[in-house]
PDB file of N, CA and C in Angstrom:
ATOM      1  N   UNK A   1     -22.511  -1.847   0.624  1.00  0.00           N
ATOM      2  CA  UNK A   1     -22.358  -2.630   2.698  1.00  0.00           C
ATOM      3  C   UNK A   1     -22.081  -1.476   3.382  1.00  0.00           C
ATOM      4  N   UNK A   2     -22.541  -1.605   4.397  1.00  0.00           N
ATOM      5  CA  UNK A   2     -22.710  -0.239   4.972  1.00  0.00           C
ATOM      6  C   UNK A   2     -20.935  -0.137   5.346  1.00  0.00           C
ATOM      7  N   UNK A   3     -21.048   1.051   6.535  1.00  0.00           N
ATOM      8  CA  UNK A   3     -19.256   1.271   6.468  1.00  0.00           C
ATOM      9  C   UNK A   3     -19.324   0.784   7.504  1.00  0.00           C
ATOM     10  N   UNK A   4     -20.446   0.544   8.803  1.00  0.00           N
ATOM     11  CA  UNK A   4     -19.584  -0.868   9.902  1.00  0.00           C
ATOM     12  C   UNK A   4     -19.004  -2.029   9.554  1.00  0.00           C
ATOM     13  N   UNK A   5     -19.762  -2.540   8.566  1.00  0.00           N
ATOM     14  CA  UNK A   5     -19.446  -3.928   7.602  1.00  0.00           C
ATOM     15  C   UNK A   5     -17.879  -3.503   7.107  1.00  0.00           C
ATOM     16  N   UNK A   6     -17.513  -2.684   6.343  1.00  0.00           N
ATOM     17  CA  UNK A   6     -16.480  -2.810   5.657  1.00  0.00           C
ATOM     18  C   UNK A   6     -15.802  -2.181   6.630  1.00  0.00           C
ATOM     19  N   UNK A   7     -15.922  -1.617   7.648  1.00  0.00           N
ATOM     20  CA  UNK A   7     -14.429  -1.171   8.396  1.00  0.00           C
ATOM     21  C   UNK A   7     -13.848  -2.143   9.819  1.00  0.00           C
ATOM     22  N   UNK A   8     -15.018  -3.579   9.797  1.00  0.00           N
ATOM     23  CA  UNK A   8     -14.845  -4.467  11.046  1.00  0.00           C
ATOM     24  C   UNK A   8     -13.590  -5.479   9.181  1.00  0.00           C
ATOM     25  N   UNK A   9     -14.283  -6.377   8.783  1.00  0.00           N
ATOM     26  CA  UNK A   9     -13.925  -6.835   6.972  1.00  0.00           C
ATOM     27  C   UNK A   9     -12.132  -5.659   6.787  1.00  0.00           C
ATOM     28  N   UNK A  10     -12.292  -4.418   6.347  1.00  0.00           N
ATOM     29  CA  UNK A  10     -10.618  -4.366   6.783  1.00  0.00           C
ATOM     30  C   UNK A  10      -9.990  -4.341   7.635  1.00  0.00           C
ATOM     31  N   UNK A  11     -10.695  -4.339   8.702  1.00  0.00           N
ATOM     32  CA  UNK A  11      -9.973  -4.571  10.381  1.00  0.00           C
ATOM     33  C   UNK A  11      -9.261  -6.006  10.007  1.00  0.00           C
ATOM     34  N   UNK A  12     -10.223  -6.974  10.118  1.00  0.00           N
ATOM     35  CA  UNK A  12     -10.032  -8.439   9.874  1.00  0.00           C
ATOM     36  C   UNK A  12      -8.888  -8.624   8.729  1.00  0.00           C
ATOM     37  N   UNK A  13      -8.934  -7.525   7.359  1.00  0.00           N
ATOM     38  CA  UNK A  13      -7.503  -8.257   6.463  1.00  0.00           C
ATOM     39  C   UNK A  13      -6.432  -7.681   6.421  1.00  0.00           C
ATOM     40  N   UNK A  14      -6.862  -6.715   7.497  1.00  0.00           N
ATOM     41  CA  UNK A  14      -6.120  -5.517   7.460  1.00  0.00           C
ATOM     42  C   UNK A  14      -4.119  -6.681   8.880  1.00  0.00           C
ATOM     43  N   UNK A  15      -4.913  -6.869   9.946  1.00  0.00           N
ATOM     44  CA  UNK A  15      -4.299  -7.984  11.207  1.00  0.00           C
ATOM     45  C   UNK A  15      -3.979  -9.445  10.189  1.00  0.00           C
ATOM     46  N   UNK A  16      -3.973 -10.048   9.009  1.00  0.00           N
ATOM     47  CA  UNK A  16      -4.267 -10.469   8.445  1.00  0.00           C
ATOM     48  C   UNK A  16      -2.698 -10.541   7.935  1.00  0.00           C
ATOM     49  N   UNK A  17      -3.229  -9.699   6.569  1.00  0.00           N
ATOM     50  CA  UNK A  17      -1.876  -8.896   6.318  1.00  0.00           C
ATOM     51  C   UNK A  17      -0.564  -8.660   6.830  1.00  0.00           C
ATOM     52  N   UNK A  18      -0.393  -7.787   8.402  1.00  0.00           N
ATOM     53  CA  UNK A  18       0.455  -7.691   9.361  1.00  0.00           C
ATOM     54  C   UNK A  18       0.684  -9.799   9.905  1.00  0.00           C
ATOM     55  N   UNK A  19       0.121 -10.397   9.827  1.00  0.00           N
ATOM     56  CA  UNK A  19       0.412 -11.805  10.612  1.00  0.00           C
ATOM     57  C   UNK A  19       1.206 -12.254   9.252  1.00  0.00           C
ATOM     58  N   UNK A  20       1.003 -12.193   8.089  1.00  0.00           N
ATOM     59  CA  UNK A  20       0.828 -13.136   7.211  1.00  0.00           C
ATOM     60  C   UNK A  20       1.545 -12.455   5.976  1.00  0.00           C
ATOM     61  N   UNK A  21       2.710 -11.207   6.571  1.00  0.00           N
ATOM     62  CA  UNK A  21       3.573 -10.216   5.516  1.00  0.00           C
ATOM     63  C   UNK A  21       3.804 -10.614   3.879  1.00  0.00           C
ATOM     64  N   UNK A  22       4.017 -12.114   3.853  1.00  0.00           N
ATOM     65  CA  UNK A  22       4.079 -12.756   2.829  1.00  0.00           C
ATOM     66  C   UNK A  22       2.528 -13.519   2.051  1.00  0.00           C
ATOM     67  N   UNK A  23       1.871 -13.397   2.648  1.00  0.00           N
ATOM     68  CA  UNK A  23       0.707 -12.981   1.574  1.00  0.00           C
ATOM     69  C   UNK A  23      -0.267 -12.572   1.077  1.00  0.00           C
ATOM     70  N   UNK A  24      -0.004 -12.670  -0.504  1.00  0.00           N
ATOM     71  CA  UNK A  24      -0.279 -12.046  -2.124  1.00  0.00           C
ATOM     72  C   UNK A  24      -1.884 -11.276  -1.919  1.00  0.00           C
ATOM     73  N   UNK A  25      -1.738 -12.713  -1.118  1.00  0.00           N
ATOM     74  CA  UNK A  25      -4.265 -12.487  -1.943  1.00  0.00           C
ATOM     75  C   UNK A  25      -4.123 -11.374  -0.175  1.00  0.00           C
ATOM     76  N   UNK A  26      -4.158 -11.527   0.770  1.00  0.00           N
ATOM     77  CA  UNK A  26      -4.370 -11.021   2.334  1.00  0.00           C
ATOM     78  C   UNK A  26      -4.137  -9.742   1.323  1.00  0.00           C
ATOM     79  N   UNK A  27      -3.366  -8.586   1.206  1.00  0.00           N
ATOM     80  CA  UNK A  27      -2.577  -7.537   0.671  1.00  0.00           C
ATOM     81  C   UNK A  27      -4.058  -7.320  -0.446  1.00  0.00           C
ATOM     82  N   UNK A  28      -4.306  -8.226  -1.395  1.00  0.00           N
ATOM     83  CA  UNK A  28      -4.828  -7.679  -2.481  1.00  0.00           C
ATOM     84  C   UNK A  28      -6.178  -7.741  -1.826  1.00  0.00           C
ATOM     85  N   UNK A  29      -7.087  -8.708  -1.109  1.00  0.00           N
ATOM     86  CA  UNK A  29      -8.039  -7.461  -0.347  1.00  0.00           C
ATOM     87  C   UNK A  29      -8.247  -6.379   0.302  1.00  0.00           C
ATOM     88  N   UNK A  30      -7.082  -6.375   1.462  1.00  0.00           N
ATOM     89  CA  UNK A  30      -6.665  -5.260   2.067  1.00  0.00           C
ATOM     90  C   UNK A  30      -6.886  -4.192   0.576  1.00  0.00           C
ATOM     91  N   UNK A  31      -6.061  -3.980   0.211  1.00  0.00           N
ATOM     92  CA  UNK A  31      -6.190  -3.042  -0.661  1.00  0.00           C
ATOM     93  C   UNK A  31      -7.783  -3.045  -2.022  1.00  0.00           C
ATOM     94  N   UNK A  32      -8.490  -3.750  -1.478  1.00  0.00           N
ATOM     95  CA  UNK A  32     -10.270  -4.530  -2.085  1.00  0.00           C
ATOM     96  C   UNK A  32     -11.043  -3.497  -0.713  1.00  0.00           C
ATOM     97  N   UNK A  33     -10.973  -3.165  -0.347  1.00  0.00           N
ATOM     98  CA  UNK A  33     -11.922  -3.059   1.487  1.00  0.00           C
ATOM     99  C   UNK A  33     -11.372  -1.675   1.452  1.00  0.00           C
ATOM    100  N   UNK A  34      -9.768  -1.492   1.241  1.00  0.00           N
ATOM    101  CA  UNK A  34      -9.662  -0.013   1.790  1.00  0.00           C
ATOM    102  C   UNK A  34     -10.421   0.960   0.620  1.00  0.00           C
ATOM    103  N   UNK A  35     -10.141   0.269  -0.996  1.00  0.00           N
ATOM    104  CA  UNK A  35     -11.621   1.373  -2.098  1.00  0.00           C
ATOM    105  C   UNK A  35     -11.932   1.306  -2.136  1.00  0.00           C
ATOM    106  N   UNK A  36     -13.031   0.196  -1.119  1.00  0.00           N
ATOM    107  CA  UNK A  36     -14.508   0.303  -0.999  1.00  0.00           C
ATOM    108  C   UNK A  36     -14.561   1.962   0.159  1.00  0.00           C
ATOM    109  N   UNK A  37     -13.805   1.472   0.760  1.00  0.00           N
ATOM    110  CA  UNK A  37     -14.130   2.763   1.710  1.00  0.00           C
ATOM    111  C   UNK A  37     -13.762   4.083   2.075  1.00  0.00           C
ATOM    112  N   UNK A  38     -12.703   4.283   0.489  1.00  0.00           N
ATOM    113  CA  UNK A  38     -12.041   5.046  -0.289  1.00  0.00           C
ATOM    114  C   UNK A  38     -13.007   5.946  -0.908  1.00  0.00           C
ATOM    115  N   UNK A  39     -14.505   4.924  -0.924  1.00  0.00           N
ATOM    116  CA  UNK A  39     -15.334   5.944  -3.051  1.00  0.00           C
ATOM    117  C   UNK A  39     -15.735   5.674  -2.236  1.00  0.00           C
ATOM    118  N   UNK A  40     -16.393   4.255  -1.385  1.00  0.00           N
ATOM    119  CA  UNK A  40     -17.896   4.342  -1.001  1.00  0.00           C
ATOM    120  C   UNK A  40     -18.183   4.976  -0.172  1.00  0.00           C
ATOM    121  N   UNK A  41     -17.216   5.048   1.200  1.00  0.00           N
ATOM    122  CA  UNK A  41     -17.893   6.175   1.363  1.00  0.00           C
ATOM    123  C   UNK A  41     -16.896   7.098   2.379  1.00  0.00           C
ATOM    124  N   UNK A  42     -16.271   7.610   0.801  1.00  0.00           N
ATOM    125  CA  UNK A  42     -15.005   8.485   1.316  1.00  0.00           C
ATOM    126  C   UNK A  42     -14.750   9.013   2.424  1.00  0.00           C
ATOM    127  N   UNK A  43     -14.166   7.927   2.757  1.00  0.00           N
ATOM    128  CA  UNK A  43     -13.050   7.917   4.552  1.00  0.00           C
ATOM    129  C   UNK A  43     -11.256   8.127   3.994  1.00  0.00           C
ATOM    130  N   UNK A  44     -10.881   9.043   4.475  1.00  0.00           N
ATOM    131  CA  UNK A  44      -9.821   9.211   4.147  1.00  0.00           C
ATOM    132  C   UNK A  44      -8.980   8.913   5.729  1.00  0.00           C
ATOM    133  N   UNK A  45      -7.378   8.498   5.522  1.00  0.00           N
ATOM    134  CA  UNK A  45      -6.801   8.673   6.478  1.00  0.00           C
ATOM    135  C   UNK A  45      -6.944   7.115   7.486  1.00  0.00           C
ATOM    136  N   UNK A  46      -7.253   5.938   6.854  1.00  0.00           N
ATOM    137  CA  UNK A  46      -7.779   4.721   8.170  1.00  0.00           C
ATOM    138  C   UNK A  46      -6.734   3.876   8.573  1.00  0.00           C
ATOM    139  N   UNK A  47      -6.341   3.826   9.672  1.00  0.00           N
ATOM    140  CA  UNK A  47      -5.897   3.542  10.809  1.00  0.00           C
ATOM    141  C   UNK A  47      -6.776   2.183  11.418  1.00  0.00           C
ATOM    142  N   UNK A  48      -5.905   1.380  12.038  1.00  0.00           N
ATOM    143  CA  UNK A  48      -6.379   1.290  13.552  1.00  0.00           C
ATOM    144  C   UNK A  48      -5.256   1.681  14.354  1.00  0.00           C
ATOM    145  N   UNK A  49      -5.644   1.430  15.762  1.00  0.00           N
ATOM    146  CA  UNK A  49      -4.460   0.611  17.540  1.00  0.00           C
ATOM    147  C   UNK A  49      -5.537  -0.044  18.179  1.00  0.00           C
ATOM    148  N   UNK A  50      -5.194  -0.707  19.138  1.00  0.00           N
ATOM    149  CA  UNK A  50      -4.977  -1.239  19.953  1.00  0.00           C
ATOM    150  C   UNK A  50      -5.594  -0.172  21.658  1.00  0.00           C
ATOM    151  N   UNK A  51      -6.853  -0.284  21.443  1.00  0.00           N
ATOM    152  CA  UNK A  51      -7.624   0.304  22.562  1.00  0.00           C
ATOM    153  C   UNK A  51      -7.173  -0.501  24.110  1.00  0.00           C
ATOM    154  N   UNK A  52      -7.633  -2.038  24.014  1.00  0.00           N
ATOM    155  CA  UNK A  52      -6.907  -2.472  25.242  1.00  0.00           C
ATOM    156  C   UNK A  52      -6.578  -4.617  25.300  1.00  0.00           C
ATOM    157  N   UNK A  53      -7.322  -4.886  25.698  1.00  0.00           N
ATOM    158  CA  UNK A  53      -6.873  -6.089  25.579  1.00  0.00           C
ATOM    159  C   UNK A  53      -8.699  -7.025  25.284  1.00  0.00           C
ATOM    160  N   UNK A  54      -9.444  -5.665  25.259  1.00  0.00           N
ATOM    161  CA  UNK A  54     -10.381  -6.171  24.311  1.00  0.00           C
ATOM    162  C   UNK A  54     -10.944  -5.664  23.453  1.00  0.00           C
ATOM    163  N   UNK A  55     -10.688  -4.634  23.262  1.00  0.00           N
ATOM    164  CA  UNK A  55     -10.650  -3.284  21.678  1.00  0.00           C
ATOM    165  C   UNK A  55     -10.140  -3.202  20.802  1.00  0.00           C
ATOM    166  N   UNK A  56     -10.363  -3.116  19.400  1.00  0.00           N
ATOM    167  CA  UNK A  56      -9.839  -2.204  18.631  1.00  0.00           C
ATOM    168  C   UNK A  56     -10.078  -0.906  17.974  1.00  0.00           C
ATOM    169  N   UNK A  57      -9.638  -0.521  17.676  1.00  0.00           N
ATOM    170  CA  UNK A  57     -10.350   1.270  17.620  1.00  0.00           C
ATOM    171  C   UNK A  57      -9.851   1.136  16.135  1.00  0.00           C
ATOM    172  N   UNK A  58     -11.125   1.810  15.388  1.00  0.00           N
ATOM    173  CA  UNK A  58     -10.530   2.194  13.768  1.00  0.00           C
ATOM    174  C   UNK A  58     -10.700   3.716  13.680  1.00  0.00           C
ATOM    175  N   UNK A  59      -9.517   4.387  13.534  1.00  0.00           N
ATOM    176  CA  UNK A  59      -9.570   5.886  12.693  1.00  0.00           C
ATOM    177  C   UNK A  59      -9.950   5.440  11.990  1.00  0.00           C
ATOM    178  N   UNK A  60     -10.755   7.040  11.122  1.00  0.00           N
ATOM    179  CA  UNK A  60     -10.247   7.810   9.531  1.00  0.00           C
ATOM    180  C   UNK A  60     -11.228   9.324  10.531  1.00  0.00           C
ATOM    181  N   UNK A  61     -10.631   9.575   8.638  1.00  0.00           N
ATOM    182  CA  UNK A  61     -11.759  10.976   8.420  1.00  0.00           C
ATOM    183  C   UNK A  61     -13.030  10.550   7.924  1.00  0.00           C
ATOM    184  N   UNK A  62     -14.075  10.706   7.731  1.00  0.00           N
ATOM    185  CA  UNK A  62     -14.737  10.788   7.026  1.00  0.00           C
ATOM    186  C   UNK A  62     -16.027  12.640   6.956  1.00  0.00           C
ATOM    187  N   UNK A  63     -16.320  13.180   6.438  1.00  0.00           N
ATOM    188  CA  UNK A  63     -16.634  14.629   6.076  1.00  0.00           C
ATOM    189  C   UNK A  63     -15.478  15.685   7.108  1.00  0.00           C
ATOM    190  N   UNK A  64     -14.914  15.332   6.752  1.00  0.00           N
ATOM    191  CA  UNK A  64     -13.889  16.637   7.607  1.00  0.00           C
ATOM    192  C   UNK A  64     -13.814  15.813   8.324  1.00  0.00           C
ATOM    193  N   UNK A  65     -13.991  15.476   9.025  1.00  0.00           N
ATOM    194  CA  UNK A  65     -14.286  14.995  10.402  1.00  0.00           C
ATOM    195  C   UNK A  65     -13.321  14.548  11.314  1.00  0.00           C
ATOM    196  N   UNK A  66     -12.497  13.528  12.121  1.00  0.00           N
ATOM    197  CA  UNK A  66     -11.955  12.351  12.678  1.00  0.00           C
ATOM    198  C   UNK A  66     -13.223  11.892  13.353  1.00  0.00           C
ATOM    199  N   UNK A  67     -12.946  10.483  12.837  1.00  0.00           N
ATOM    200  CA  UNK A  67     -14.084   9.553  14.069  1.00  0.00           C
ATOM    201  C   UNK A  67     -13.439   8.434  13.920  1.00  0.00           C
ATOM    202  N   UNK A  68     -13.922   7.768  15.270  1.00  0.00           N
ATOM    203  CA  UNK A  68     -13.361   6.698  15.344  1.00  0.00           C
ATOM    204  C   UNK A  68     -14.678   5.404  15.352  1.00  0.00           C
ATOM    205  N   UNK A  69     -14.496   4.316  15.661  1.00  0.00           N
ATOM    206  CA  UNK A  69     -15.146   2.921  15.741  1.00  0.00           C
ATOM    207  C   UNK A  69     -14.669   1.705  16.625  1.00  0.00           C
ATOM    208  N   UNK A  70     -15.113   1.193  17.158  1.00  0.00           N
ATOM    209  CA  UNK A  70     -14.262   0.139  17.772  1.00  0.00           C
ATOM    210  C   UNK A  70     -15.113  -0.908  18.019  1.00  0.00           C
ATOM    211  N   UNK A  71     -13.706  -2.480  17.974  1.00  0.00           N
ATOM    212  CA  UNK A  71     -14.399  -3.654  17.496  1.00  0.00           C
ATOM    213  C   UNK A  71     -13.749  -4.821  18.123  1.00  0.00           C
ATOM    214  N   UNK A  72     -14.283  -5.614  18.230  1.00  0.00           N
ATOM    215  CA  UNK A  72     -14.370  -7.220  19.517  1.00  0.00           C
ATOM    216  C   UNK A  72     -12.934  -7.269  19.186  1.00  0.00           C
ATOM    217  N   UNK A  73     -11.412  -7.120  20.015  1.00  0.00           N
ATOM    218  CA  UNK A  73     -10.207  -7.355  19.208  1.00  0.00           C
ATOM    219  C   UNK A  73     -10.766  -9.958  19.373  1.00  0.00           C
ATOM    220  N   UNK A  74     -11.011  -9.858  20.137  1.00  0.00           N
ATOM    221  CA  UNK A  74     -12.001 -11.375  19.528  1.00  0.00           C
ATOM    222  C   UNK A  74     -12.035 -11.963  18.044  1.00  0.00           C
ATOM    223  N   UNK A  75     -13.319 -11.260  18.285  1.00  0.00           N
ATOM    224  CA  UNK A  75     -13.406 -11.549  16.566  1.00  0.00           C
ATOM    225  C   UNK A  75     -12.679 -10.774  15.703  1.00  0.00           C
ATOM    226  N   UNK A  76     -12.134  -9.534  16.178  1.00  0.00           N
ATOM    227  CA  UNK A  76     -11.333  -9.056  14.615  1.00  0.00           C
ATOM    228  C   UNK A  76     -10.578 -10.172  14.504  1.00  0.00           C
ATOM    229  N   UNK A  77      -9.541 -10.395  15.728  1.00  0.00           N
ATOM    230  CA  UNK A  77      -8.118 -11.825  15.293  1.00  0.00           C
ATOM    231  C   UNK A  77      -8.980 -13.146  14.686  1.00  0.00           C
ATOM    232  N   UNK A  78     -10.373 -13.536  14.679  1.00  0.00           N
ATOM    233  CA  UNK A  78     -10.813 -14.942  13.943  1.00  0.00           C
ATOM    234  C   UNK A  78      -9.863 -15.639  12.924  1.00  0.00           C
ATOM    235  N   UNK A  79     -10.301 -14.026  11.772  1.00  0.00           N
ATOM    236  CA  UNK A  79     -10.046 -14.578  10.881  1.00  0.00           C
ATOM    237  C   UNK A  79      -8.695 -15.067  10.624  1.00  0.00           C
ATOM    238  N   UNK A  80      -7.455 -13.916  11.111  1.00  0.00           N
ATOM    239  CA  UNK A  80      -5.962 -14.909  10.896  1.00  0.00           C
ATOM    240  C   UNK A  80      -5.870 -15.645  11.710  1.00  0.00           C
ATOM    241  N   UNK A  81      -6.638 -16.174  13.032  1.00  0.00           N
ATOM    242  CA  UNK A  81      -6.474 -17.426  13.378  1.00  0.00           C
ATOM    243  C   UNK A  81      -6.623 -18.790  12.514  1.00  0.00           C
ATOM    244  N   UNK A  82      -7.717 -18.145  12.285  1.00  0.00           N
ATOM    245  CA  UNK A  82      -8.372 -19.525  12.187  1.00  0.00           C
ATOM    246  C   UNK A  82      -7.584 -20.174  10.690  1.00  0.00           C
ATOM    247  N   UNK A  83      -6.535 -18.467   9.742  1.00  0.00           N
ATOM    248  CA  UNK A  83      -6.382 -18.805   8.758  1.00  0.00           C
ATOM    249  C   UNK A  83      -5.049 -19.740   9.344  1.00  0.00           C
ATOM    250  N   UNK A  84      -4.153 -18.795  10.299  1.00  0.00           N
ATOM    251  CA  UNK A  84      -3.437 -20.090  10.826  1.00  0.00           C
ATOM    252  C   UNK A  84      -3.465 -21.135  10.850  1.00  0.00           C
ATOM    253  N   UNK A  85      -5.002 -21.983  11.403  1.00  0.00           N
ATOM    254  CA  UNK A  85      -4.805 -23.260  11.950  1.00  0.00           C
ATOM    255  C   UNK A  85      -5.101 -24.381  11.096  1.00  0.00           C
ATOM    256  N   UNK A  86      -5.349 -24.170   9.749  1.00  0.00           N
ATOM    257  CA  UNK A  86      -5.785 -24.642   8.271  1.00  0.00           C
ATOM    258  C   UNK A  86      -4.726 -24.489   7.558  1.00  0.00           C
ATOM    259  N   UNK A  87      -4.490 -25.716   7.375  1.00  0.00           N
ATOM    260  CA  UNK A  87      -2.833 -25.991   7.065  1.00  0.00           C
ATOM    261  C   UNK A  87      -3.113 -26.064   5.353  1.00  0.00           C
ATOM    262  N   UNK A  88      -3.934 -26.112   5.085  1.00  0.00           N
ATOM    263  CA  UNK A  88      -4.089 -25.228   3.650  1.00  0.00           C
ATOM    264  C   UNK A  88      -3.518 -24.035   3.111  1.00  0.00           C
ATOM    265  N   UNK A  89      -3.630 -23.538   3.978  1.00  0.00           N
ATOM    266  CA  UNK A  89      -2.880 -21.928   3.405  1.00  0.00           C
ATOM    267  C   UNK A  89      -1.641 -21.523   4.516  1.00  0.00           C
ATOM    268  N   UNK A  90      -1.133 -22.729   5.157  1.00  0.00           N
ATOM    269  CA  UNK A  90       0.181 -22.248   5.783  1.00  0.00           C
ATOM    270  C   UNK A  90       0.895 -23.892   5.666  1.00  0.00           C
ATOM    271  N   UNK A  91       1.975 -23.470   5.169  1.00  0.00           N
ATOM    272  CA  UNK A  91       2.760 -23.786   5.078  1.00  0.00           C
ATOM    273  C   UNK A  91       4.106 -23.166   7.117  1.00  0.00           C
ATOM    274  N   UNK A  92       3.942 -22.287   7.158  1.00  0.00           N
ATOM    275  CA  UNK A  92       4.576 -22.716   8.529  1.00  0.00           C
ATOM    276  C   UNK A  92       3.853 -21.510   9.688  1.00  0.00           C
ATOM    277  N   UNK A  93       3.221 -22.080  10.896  1.00  0.00           N
ATOM    278  CA  UNK A  93       2.409 -21.039  11.468  1.00  0.00           C
ATOM    279  C   UNK A  93       3.056 -19.523  12.258  1.00  0.00           C
ATOM    280  N   UNK A  94       2.144 -19.080  11.522  1.00  0.00           N
ATOM    281  CA  UNK A  94       2.674 -17.977  12.299  1.00  0.00           C
ATOM    282  C   UNK A  94       1.708 -16.921  13.265  1.00  0.00           C
ATOM    283  N   UNK A  95       2.168 -17.208  14.888  1.00  0.00           N
ATOM    284  CA  UNK A  95       1.543 -17.205  16.333  1.00  0.00           C
ATOM    285  C   UNK A  95       0.805 -16.212  16.036  1.00  0.00           C
ATOM    286  N   UNK A  96      -0.621 -15.929  16.485  1.00  0.00           N
ATOM    287  CA  UNK A  96      -1.485 -14.670  16.803  1.00  0.00           C
ATOM    288  C   UNK A  96      -1.221 -14.163  17.450  1.00  0.00           C
ATOM    289  N   UNK A  97      -0.812 -14.611  19.190  1.00  0.00           N
ATOM    290  CA  UNK A  97       0.325 -13.289  19.714  1.00  0.00           C
ATOM    291  C   UNK A  97       1.259 -12.054  19.015  1.00  0.00           C
ATOM    292  N   UNK A  98       1.831 -11.138  19.549  1.00  0.00           N
ATOM    293  CA  UNK A  98       2.350 -10.379  18.824  1.00  0.00           C
ATOM    294  C   UNK A  98       2.424 -10.574  17.767  1.00  0.00           C
ATOM    295  N   UNK A  99       2.250 -10.782  16.569  1.00  0.00           N
ATOM    296  CA  UNK A  99       1.778 -11.231  15.035  1.00  0.00           C
ATOM    297  C   UNK A  99       1.585  -9.661  14.729  1.00  0.00           C
ATOM    298  N   UNK A 100       1.323  -8.816  15.887  1.00  0.00           N
ATOM    299  CA  UNK A 100       0.166  -7.470  15.529  1.00  0.00           C
ATOM    300  C   UNK A 100       1.322  -6.301  15.464  1.00  0.00           C
ATOM    301  N   UNK A 101       1.353  -5.375  15.083  1.00  0.00           N
ATOM    302  CA  UNK A 101       2.238  -4.270  15.784  1.00  0.00           C
ATOM    303  C   UNK A 101       0.597  -3.395  16.582  1.00  0.00           C
ATOM    304  N   UNK A 102       1.314  -2.649  17.426  1.00  0.00           N
ATOM    305  CA  UNK A 102       0.194  -1.419  18.449  1.00  0.00           C
ATOM    306  C   UNK A 102       0.259  -0.406  18.081  1.00  0.00           C
ATOM    307  N   UNK A 103       1.403  -0.072  17.047  1.00  0.00           N
ATOM    308  CA  UNK A 103       1.853   1.126  16.652  1.00  0.00           C
ATOM    309  C   UNK A 103       0.813   1.146  15.085  1.00  0.00           C
ATOM    310  N   UNK A 104      -0.360   1.124  14.647  1.00  0.00           N
ATOM    311  CA  UNK A 104      -0.560   0.144  13.367  1.00  0.00           C
ATOM    312  C   UNK A 104      -1.666   1.759  13.584  1.00  0.00           C
ATOM    313  N   UNK A 105      -0.413   2.329  12.571  1.00  0.00           N
ATOM    314  CA  UNK A 105      -0.955   3.349  11.395  1.00  0.00           C
ATOM    315  C   UNK A 105      -1.644   3.195  10.314  1.00  0.00           C
ATOM    316  N   UNK A 106      -1.414   3.950   9.261  1.00  0.00           N
ATOM    317  CA  UNK A 106      -2.210   4.463   7.823  1.00  0.00           C
ATOM    318  C   UNK A 106      -1.750   3.041   7.756  1.00  0.00           C
ATOM    319  N   UNK A 107      -2.438   2.091   6.256  1.00  0.00           N
ATOM    320  CA  UNK A 107      -1.813   1.063   5.851  1.00  0.00           C
ATOM    321  C   UNK A 107      -0.636   1.944   4.801  1.00  0.00           C
ATOM    322  N   UNK A 108      -0.903   2.742   4.536  1.00  0.00           N
ATOM    323  CA  UNK A 108      -0.048   3.896   3.311  1.00  0.00           C
ATOM    324  C   UNK A 108       1.369   3.718   3.765  1.00  0.00           C
ATOM    325  N   UNK A 109       1.702   3.938   4.995  1.00  0.00           N
ATOM    326  CA  UNK A 109       2.904   4.057   5.859  1.00  0.00           C
ATOM    327  C   UNK A 109       3.541   3.026   5.715  1.00  0.00           C
ATOM    328  N   UNK A 110       2.472   1.749   6.428  1.00  0.00           N
ATOM    329  CA  UNK A 110       3.896   0.809   6.452  1.00  0.00           C
ATOM    330  C   UNK A 110       4.049  -0.548   5.424  1.00  0.00           C
ATOM    331  N   UNK A 111       2.926  -0.123   5.207  1.00  0.00           N
ATOM    332  CA  UNK A 111       2.428  -0.933   3.606  1.00  0.00           C
ATOM    333  C   UNK A 111       3.248  -0.631   1.909  1.00  0.00           C
ATOM    334  N   UNK A 112       3.805  -0.076   2.530  1.00  0.00           N
ATOM    335  CA  UNK A 112       3.765   1.463   0.351  1.00  0.00           C
ATOM    336  C   UNK A 112       2.286   1.025   0.232  1.00  0.00           C
ATOM    337  N   UNK A 113       1.380   1.179   0.499  1.00  0.00           N
ATOM    338  CA  UNK A 113      -0.513   0.847  -0.427  1.00  0.00           C
ATOM    339  C   UNK A 113      -1.091   2.718   0.197  1.00  0.00           C
ATOM    340  N   UNK A 114      -2.007   3.447  -1.508  1.00  0.00           N
ATOM    341  CA  UNK A 114      -2.684   4.248  -0.471  1.00  0.00           C
ATOM    342  C   UNK A 114      -3.390   3.767   0.941  1.00  0.00           C
ATOM    343  N   UNK A 115      -3.830   5.428   1.387  1.00  0.00           N
ATOM    344  CA  UNK A 115      -4.812   5.658   2.677  1.00  0.00           C
ATOM    345  C   UNK A 115      -4.860   6.269   3.138  1.00  0.00           C
ATOM    346  N   UNK A 116      -3.888   7.520   3.265  1.00  0.00           N
ATOM    347  CA  UNK A 116      -3.476   8.264   3.520  1.00  0.00           C
ATOM    348  C   UNK A 116      -2.847   8.096   4.846  1.00  0.00           C
ATOM    349  N   UNK A 117      -2.402   9.761   5.784  1.00  0.00           N
ATOM    350  CA  UNK A 117      -1.492   9.348   7.117  1.00  0.00           C
ATOM    351  C   UNK A 117      -2.582   9.486   8.402  1.00  0.00           C
ATOM    352  N   UNK A 118      -1.812   9.334   9.119  1.00  0.00           N
ATOM    353  CA  UNK A 118      -1.964   8.194  10.898  1.00  0.00           C
ATOM    354  C   UNK A 118      -2.588   9.771  10.915  1.00  0.00           C
TER     355      UNK A 118
END
């Protein structure tokens, strides 16, 4: 899997995990993509932040250097919106707006899983 694809997939499922904290499948999938980032792409300290109303910034360490990748917020938020809109996956809808924290650091710090520090 290309790095850009792995980062985007991780970001999308991270947003789902934060928007649906009781969703065990989302948490497992997030851990799967973090494993790809760490093992296949040798990244550490993966996290994200909101740049503005249009973009998320995924930040990470690669080859000892801090790096960033920008992703469109509308595209990244789409998976959570689709899950919330589907009654099959949603007993009680969780609103997309305000469901994601803006100080989004590393997965390990906020969720208790591995992944390094922000």
